[in-house]
Protein backbone atom coordinates (compact mmCIF):
# COMPACT_ATOMS: atom_id res chain seq x y z
CA UNK A 1 -14.11 -19.55 56.53
CA UNK A 2 -13.10 -15.93 56.94
CA UNK A 3 -11.02 -14.91 59.95
CA UNK A 4 -13.51 -12.37 61.31
CA UNK A 5 -17.27 -11.87 61.41
CA UNK A 6 -18.62 -9.25 58.99
CA UNK A 7 -22.11 -7.84 58.49
CA UNK A 8 -22.56 -10.19 55.54
CA UNK A 9 -22.56 -13.14 57.97
CA UNK A 10 -25.94 -11.90 59.20
CA UNK A 11 -27.49 -11.23 55.79
CA UNK A 12 -29.22 -14.59 55.34
CA UNK A 13 -27.21 -15.33 52.19
CA UNK A 14 -24.13 -17.35 51.26
CA UNK A 15 -21.96 -16.12 54.13
CA UNK A 16 -24.68 -16.89 56.68
CA UNK A 17 -25.09 -20.41 55.31
CA UNK A 18 -21.33 -20.93 55.32
CA UNK A 19 -21.13 -19.82 58.96
CA UNK A 20 -23.95 -22.16 59.96
CA UNK A 21 -22.56 -25.13 58.03
CA UNK A 22 -18.87 -24.69 58.81
CA UNK A 23 -19.09 -23.60 62.45
CA UNK A 24 -22.42 -24.09 64.23
CA UNK A 25 -23.46 -27.40 62.68
CA UNK A 26 -19.85 -28.60 62.91
CA UNK A 27 -20.10 -28.49 66.70
CA UNK A 28 -23.86 -28.74 67.36
CA UNK A 29 -24.45 -31.46 64.77
CA UNK A 30 -27.40 -33.80 65.33
CA UNK A 31 -30.24 -35.24 63.25
CA UNK A 32 -32.62 -32.42 64.21
CA UNK A 33 -30.48 -29.35 63.52
CA UNK A 34 -29.30 -30.97 60.29
CA UNK A 35 -32.84 -30.67 58.87
CA UNK A 36 -32.28 -26.89 58.49
CA UNK A 37 -35.95 -26.00 59.02
CA UNK A 38 -37.21 -22.67 60.38
CA UNK A 39 -38.23 -24.58 63.52
CA UNK A 40 -36.86 -27.74 65.08
CA UNK A 41 -39.42 -30.54 64.76
CA UNK A 42 -39.35 -32.62 67.92
CA UNK A 43 -41.18 -35.47 69.64
CA UNK A 44 -42.24 -34.88 73.25
CA UNK A 45 -44.26 -37.64 74.94
CA UNK A 46 -45.21 -38.93 71.48
CA UNK A 47 -46.46 -35.50 70.44
CA UNK A 48 -44.86 -33.61 67.53
CA UNK A 49 -43.91 -30.09 68.45
CA UNK A 50 -42.08 -27.22 66.75
CA UNK A 51 -39.55 -25.13 68.66
CA UNK A 52 -37.74 -22.02 67.43
CA UNK A 53 -35.73 -19.03 68.59
CA UNK A 54 -34.85 -15.72 66.93
CA UNK A 55 -33.24 -12.37 67.72
CA UNK A 56 -34.24 -8.94 66.45
CA UNK A 57 -31.85 -6.02 66.03
CA UNK A 58 -33.63 -3.95 63.36
CA UNK A 59 -32.78 -0.29 62.96
CA UNK A 60 -34.74 1.93 63.07
CA UNK A 61 -36.76 0.23 65.81
CA UNK A 62 -39.91 2.05 64.64
CA UNK A 63 -40.90 2.01 60.96
CA UNK A 64 -43.94 2.32 58.72
CA UNK A 65 -46.07 -0.73 59.35
CA UNK A 66 -44.55 -1.80 62.65
CA UNK A 67 -41.75 -1.79 65.17
CA UNK A 68 -39.17 -4.17 66.61
CA UNK A 69 -41.73 -5.61 69.05
CA UNK A 70 -44.30 -6.46 66.39
CA UNK A 71 -41.49 -7.90 64.28
CA UNK A 72 -40.28 -10.13 67.13
CA UNK A 73 -43.67 -11.73 67.73
CA UNK A 74 -44.53 -12.11 64.04
CA UNK A 75 -41.13 -13.54 63.13
CA UNK A 76 -41.28 -16.24 65.79
CA UNK A 77 -44.94 -17.11 65.13
CA UNK A 78 -44.17 -17.39 61.43
CA UNK A 79 -41.22 -19.72 61.95
CA UNK A 80 -43.49 -22.08 63.89
CA UNK A 81 -46.24 -21.85 61.27
CA UNK A 82 -43.77 -22.78 58.50
CA UNK A 83 -43.48 -26.22 60.12
CA UNK A 84 -47.24 -26.72 59.94
CA UNK A 85 -47.55 -26.02 63.66
CA UNK A 86 -50.10 -24.19 65.76
CA UNK A 87 -48.06 -21.56 67.67
CA UNK A 88 -48.91 -21.60 71.38
CA UNK A 89 -46.33 -19.97 73.66
CA UNK A 90 -43.51 -17.44 73.33
CA UNK A 91 -40.73 -16.19 75.56
CA UNK A 92 -39.17 -12.76 75.22
CA UNK A 93 -35.78 -11.48 76.37
CA UNK A 94 -34.75 -7.83 76.21
CA UNK A 95 -31.19 -6.44 76.05
CA UNK A 96 -31.57 -2.72 76.72
CA UNK A 97 -29.03 0.09 76.50
CA UNK A 98 -28.66 2.30 79.56
CA UNK A 99 -30.62 5.51 78.97
CA UNK A 100 -33.21 3.98 76.63
CA UNK A 101 -36.54 5.87 76.91
CA UNK A 102 -39.14 4.02 79.01
CA UNK A 103 -41.86 5.48 76.74
CA UNK A 104 -40.33 3.73 73.70
CA UNK A 105 -39.98 0.47 75.61
CA UNK A 106 -43.63 0.60 76.70
CA UNK A 107 -44.75 1.20 73.11
CA UNK A 108 -42.76 -1.84 71.96
CA UNK A 109 -44.02 -4.11 74.75
CA UNK A 110 -47.60 -3.01 74.06
CA UNK A 111 -47.09 -3.79 70.38
CA UNK A 112 -45.86 -7.27 71.28
CA UNK A 113 -48.91 -7.89 73.45
CA UNK A 114 -51.25 -6.81 70.65
CA UNK A 115 -49.54 -9.05 68.10
CA UNK A 116 -49.53 -12.01 70.48
CA UNK A 117 -53.28 -11.63 70.99
CA UNK A 118 -53.84 -11.33 67.24
CA UNK A 119 -51.78 -14.47 66.58
CA UNK A 120 -53.46 -16.40 69.39
CA UNK A 121 -50.28 -16.99 71.42
CA UNK A 122 -49.25 -16.19 74.98
CA UNK A 123 -45.94 -14.66 76.09
CA UNK A 124 -45.25 -16.74 79.20
CA UNK A 125 -41.64 -16.07 80.25
CA UNK A 126 -38.77 -13.70 79.63
CA UNK A 127 -35.59 -11.99 80.75
CA UNK A 128 -34.26 -8.44 80.96
CA UNK A 129 -30.65 -7.29 80.78
CA UNK A 130 -29.44 -3.66 80.83
CA UNK A 131 -25.96 -2.87 79.48
CA UNK A 132 -23.79 0.23 79.67
CA UNK A 133 -24.26 3.10 77.24
CA UNK A 134 -22.87 1.99 73.88
CA UNK A 135 -23.01 -1.70 74.80
CA UNK A 136 -26.00 -2.23 72.50
CA UNK A 137 -27.77 -0.06 69.94
CA UNK A 138 -30.86 0.91 71.91
CA UNK A 139 -32.75 -2.36 72.25
CA UNK A 140 -32.38 -5.95 71.05
CA UNK A 141 -35.07 -8.61 71.55
CA UNK A 142 -34.80 -12.39 71.55
CA UNK A 143 -37.91 -14.53 71.31
CA UNK A 144 -38.45 -18.28 71.42
CA UNK A 145 -41.62 -20.12 70.55
CA UNK A 146 -43.23 -23.51 70.82
CA UNK A 147 -46.23 -25.03 69.07
CA UNK A 148 -47.86 -28.34 68.22
CA UNK A 149 -47.57 -29.72 64.69
CA UNK A 150 -50.92 -30.64 63.16
CA UNK A 151 -51.60 -34.33 62.72
CA UNK A 152 -50.92 -35.67 59.24
CA UNK A 153 -48.72 -32.69 58.27
CA UNK A 154 -45.17 -33.30 57.06
CA UNK A 155 -43.60 -30.01 55.97
CA UNK A 156 -39.81 -29.76 55.70
CA UNK A 157 -37.26 -27.87 53.62
CA UNK A 158 -36.16 -31.09 51.87
CA UNK A 159 -39.63 -32.11 50.66
CA UNK A 160 -39.80 -30.13 47.39
CA UNK A 161 -40.42 -32.44 44.42
CA UNK A 162 -40.29 -32.07 40.65
CA UNK A 163 -43.70 -30.87 39.51
CA UNK A 164 -44.41 -28.83 42.65
CA UNK A 165 -45.79 -25.35 42.07
CA UNK A 166 -44.36 -22.36 43.98
CA UNK A 167 -46.85 -19.81 45.31
CA UNK A 168 -46.24 -16.57 47.21
CA UNK A 169 -48.97 -14.78 49.13
CA UNK A 170 -48.31 -11.26 47.86
CA UNK A 171 -45.91 -8.54 46.79
CA UNK A 172 -42.22 -8.99 47.57
CA UNK A 173 -39.66 -6.68 49.15
CA UNK A 174 -42.00 -4.39 51.08
CA UNK A 175 -40.33 -4.75 54.49
CA UNK A 176 -36.74 -4.48 53.33
CA UNK A 177 -37.34 -1.46 51.14
CA UNK A 178 -39.32 0.27 53.91
CA UNK A 179 -36.34 -0.10 56.27
CA UNK A 180 -33.86 0.98 53.59
CA UNK A 181 -35.84 4.09 52.67
CA UNK A 182 -36.45 5.14 56.27
CA UNK A 183 -32.82 4.60 57.20
CA UNK A 184 -31.60 6.54 54.18
CA UNK A 185 -34.19 9.31 54.32
CA UNK A 186 -35.58 8.41 50.89
CA UNK A 187 -39.18 9.53 50.41
CA UNK A 188 -40.98 7.14 48.06
CA UNK A 189 -44.39 8.26 46.84
CA UNK A 190 -47.22 5.81 47.49
CA UNK A 191 -48.06 3.34 50.24
CA UNK A 192 -44.71 1.68 50.91
CA UNK A 193 -44.73 0.07 54.35
CA UNK A 194 -43.55 -3.12 56.05
CA UNK A 195 -45.62 -6.25 55.39
CA UNK A 196 -44.91 -7.51 58.93
CA UNK A 197 -47.75 -9.85 59.97
CA UNK A 198 -48.39 -13.18 61.74
CA UNK A 199 -48.97 -15.77 59.02
CA UNK A 200 -50.31 -18.65 61.13
CA UNK A 201 -53.96 -18.00 60.24
CA UNK A 202 -53.05 -18.00 56.53
CA UNK A 203 -51.17 -21.29 56.92
CA UNK A 204 -54.15 -22.76 58.79
CA UNK A 205 -56.45 -21.83 55.91
CA UNK A 206 -54.08 -23.48 53.41
CA UNK A 207 -53.85 -26.68 55.45
CA UNK A 208 -57.64 -26.76 55.81
CA UNK A 209 -57.96 -27.55 52.10
CA UNK A 210 -54.58 -29.18 51.34
CA UNK A 211 -52.74 -31.44 53.77
CA UNK A 212 -50.15 -32.28 51.10
CA UNK A 213 -48.10 -29.08 51.39
CA UNK A 214 -44.46 -30.05 50.84
CA UNK A 215 -42.55 -26.91 51.88
CA UNK A 216 -43.40 -23.62 53.57
CA UNK A 217 -40.82 -20.89 54.18
CA UNK A 218 -41.17 -17.24 55.07
CA UNK A 219 -38.86 -15.17 52.90
CA UNK A 220 -37.07 -12.96 55.43
CA UNK A 221 -33.32 -12.20 55.27
CA UNK A 222 -32.02 -12.65 51.75
CA UNK A 223 -35.54 -12.54 50.33
CA UNK A 224 -37.13 -15.09 48.03
CA UNK A 225 -33.78 -15.70 46.30
CA UNK A 226 -32.14 -16.98 49.50
CA UNK A 227 -35.12 -19.11 50.53
CA UNK A 228 -35.52 -20.78 47.15
CA UNK A 229 -31.80 -21.50 46.85
CA UNK A 230 -31.83 -23.13 50.30
CA UNK A 231 -34.81 -25.29 49.32
CA UNK A 232 -33.29 -26.23 45.96
CA UNK A 233 -30.07 -27.35 47.66
CA UNK A 234 -31.75 -29.18 50.53
CA UNK A 235 -34.31 -30.94 48.29
CA UNK A 236 -31.76 -31.55 45.48
CA UNK A 237 -33.97 -30.00 42.79
CA UNK A 238 -34.02 -26.90 40.61
CA UNK A 239 -36.65 -24.16 40.65
CA UNK A 240 -37.79 -22.20 37.63
CA UNK A 241 -39.43 -18.79 38.16
CA UNK A 242 -41.56 -16.75 35.75
CA UNK A 243 -40.51 -13.10 35.88
CA UNK A 244 -43.84 -11.72 34.69
CA UNK A 245 -45.70 -13.63 37.45
CA UNK A 246 -43.73 -12.28 40.41
CA UNK A 247 -45.84 -9.69 42.32
CA UNK A 248 -43.92 -6.52 43.15
CA UNK A 249 -45.51 -3.20 44.08
CA UNK A 250 -44.78 -0.10 42.04
CA UNK A 251 -43.23 1.51 45.14
CA UNK A 252 -40.75 -1.35 45.60
CA UNK A 253 -39.97 -1.42 41.87
CA UNK A 254 -39.25 2.30 41.92
CA UNK A 255 -37.08 2.14 45.03
CA UNK A 256 -35.13 -0.85 43.71
CA UNK A 257 -34.51 0.85 40.37
CA UNK A 258 -33.35 3.98 42.19
CA UNK A 259 -30.95 2.04 44.43
CA UNK A 260 -29.89 -0.64 41.95
CA UNK A 261 -31.38 -3.55 43.92
CA UNK A 262 -33.21 -6.73 42.91
CA UNK A 263 -36.58 -7.27 44.69
CA UNK A 264 -35.95 -11.03 44.80
CA UNK A 265 -33.14 -10.39 47.29
CA UNK A 266 -35.06 -7.97 49.53
CA UNK A 267 -36.41 -9.13 52.90
CA UNK A 268 -40.06 -9.74 53.70
CA UNK A 269 -41.76 -10.21 57.07
CA UNK A 270 -45.25 -11.23 55.98
CA UNK A 271 -44.64 -13.33 52.88
CA UNK A 272 -44.25 -17.07 52.47
CA UNK A 273 -43.29 -19.47 49.70
CA UNK A 274 -45.60 -22.47 49.47
CA UNK A 275 -44.69 -25.65 47.53
CA UNK A 276 -47.63 -27.88 46.61
CA UNK A 277 -48.24 -30.56 43.95
CA UNK A 278 -49.56 -29.06 40.71
CA UNK A 279 -53.00 -30.68 41.12
CA UNK A 280 -53.61 -28.58 44.25
CA UNK A 281 -52.02 -25.35 43.06
CA UNK A 282 -55.06 -23.38 41.89
CA UNK A 283 -57.15 -24.53 44.84
CA UNK A 284 -54.46 -23.30 47.24
CA UNK A 285 -54.03 -20.07 45.27
CA UNK A 286 -57.75 -19.34 45.48
CA UNK A 287 -57.74 -20.09 49.22
CA UNK A 288 -54.83 -17.68 49.72
CA UNK A 289 -56.57 -14.93 47.78
CA UNK A 290 -59.64 -15.28 49.99
CA UNK A 291 -57.50 -14.56 53.08
CA UNK A 292 -56.65 -10.95 54.07
CA UNK A 293 -52.92 -11.76 53.98
CA UNK A 294 -53.04 -13.37 50.55
CA UNK A 295 -55.19 -11.16 48.34
CA UNK A 296 -52.29 -10.62 45.90
CA UNK A 297 -51.04 -14.22 45.91
CA UNK A 298 -49.51 -15.53 42.70
CA UNK A 299 -47.99 -18.70 41.27
CA UNK A 300 -44.40 -17.67 40.54
CA UNK A 301 -42.75 -20.87 39.36
CA UNK A 302 -42.31 -24.61 39.56
CA UNK A 303 -39.87 -27.28 40.66
CA UNK A 304 -38.02 -29.05 37.85
CA UNK A 305 -35.97 -32.24 37.92
CA UNK A 306 -32.44 -30.98 37.31
CA UNK A 307 -29.32 -32.12 39.12
CA UNK A 308 -27.85 -28.60 39.11
CA UNK A 309 -29.85 -27.56 42.21
CA UNK A 310 -30.23 -24.05 40.81
CA UNK A 311 -32.88 -21.34 40.80
CA UNK A 312 -33.62 -19.90 37.35
CA UNK A 313 -35.65 -16.89 36.23
CA UNK A 314 -37.41 -17.00 32.85
CA UNK A 315 -37.30 -13.37 31.80
CA UNK A 316 -40.02 -11.41 30.05
CA UNK A 317 -37.94 -11.30 26.85
CA UNK A 318 -37.59 -15.09 26.76
CA UNK A 319 -34.15 -15.59 28.25
CA UNK A 320 -33.21 -17.47 31.38
CA UNK A 321 -30.80 -16.32 34.08
CA UNK A 322 -29.54 -17.89 37.27
CA UNK A 323 -30.81 -16.44 40.55
CA UNK A 324 -27.88 -17.17 42.86
CA UNK A 325 -27.79 -17.30 46.62
CA UNK A 326 -27.21 -13.68 47.73
CA UNK A 327 -23.64 -12.87 48.68
CA UNK A 328 -22.38 -9.90 50.67
CA UNK A 329 -24.58 -7.41 52.48
CA UNK A 330 -27.33 -5.51 50.67
CA UNK A 331 -29.35 -4.34 53.62
CA UNK A 332 -28.06 -4.76 57.21
CA UNK A 333 -30.33 -5.18 60.24
CA UNK A 334 -33.73 -5.51 58.63
CA UNK A 335 -34.96 -7.82 61.39
């Protein structure tokens, strides 16, 4: 490991995974944390529950399509939903810089309340700390969440199998590029805005018609590239993507070309990757497209039986290139 923490350790890519594996799991190691799911899957009085925690440090705190409060609720709800759980209760803790405007704080708290109601969860506990000027950049939020896992559902990061089809519920990179453009003062023509949304109702609709979902992951830090590499490694499979099937908006394409970025590595806050057996793929795809958060869903690839545990992209011109785990820091503090 490196001697000091850098921004790349929070990027969701290779350095983040190294930090988790070589430090946190080294000391916290147990059979639950070793599963490396978005939520811990636990048994409590013979009931299966999902439990998760997350922190949000995005800058700017207000952006097109949302704010740090909306992001905090959606991110935690989504982590629970990716375990096949019904999100029920959240906690929220605020670390606030001295001098922060009360008006901004009220806007953020109101946004959290609205998102909690939309997602069908209750915020039931919390904590507030105020630090000296310069001790934190405005406002940081930590949220934890708990939910009950639906009966008969067994979704984990290590369940991907050869033959599974990979589906995403819409265009990629919208959140990350929105933050990048707002932070840099880049004005992109069109409707570029964050895709931040609670995905639990979409997951419920998928599970209504297909109980045999193998893996669900929301593609946040590190984008689809990071998520798929994690799944390939954990499930000991390879994943082959079709470049011409990956949905990307014209605004994101334009911004990525301008900045020299790859949309597969850009963060999302309202997009998931769903792994299902091929026989259910088109049924699940149709169900996604009938949901407001999945109208632009597409099948983007499949799981193949290769020992390399790699992610490949079949290009439009017929070649094939490796999509590696992201390394370094493309876009700091997007969540």
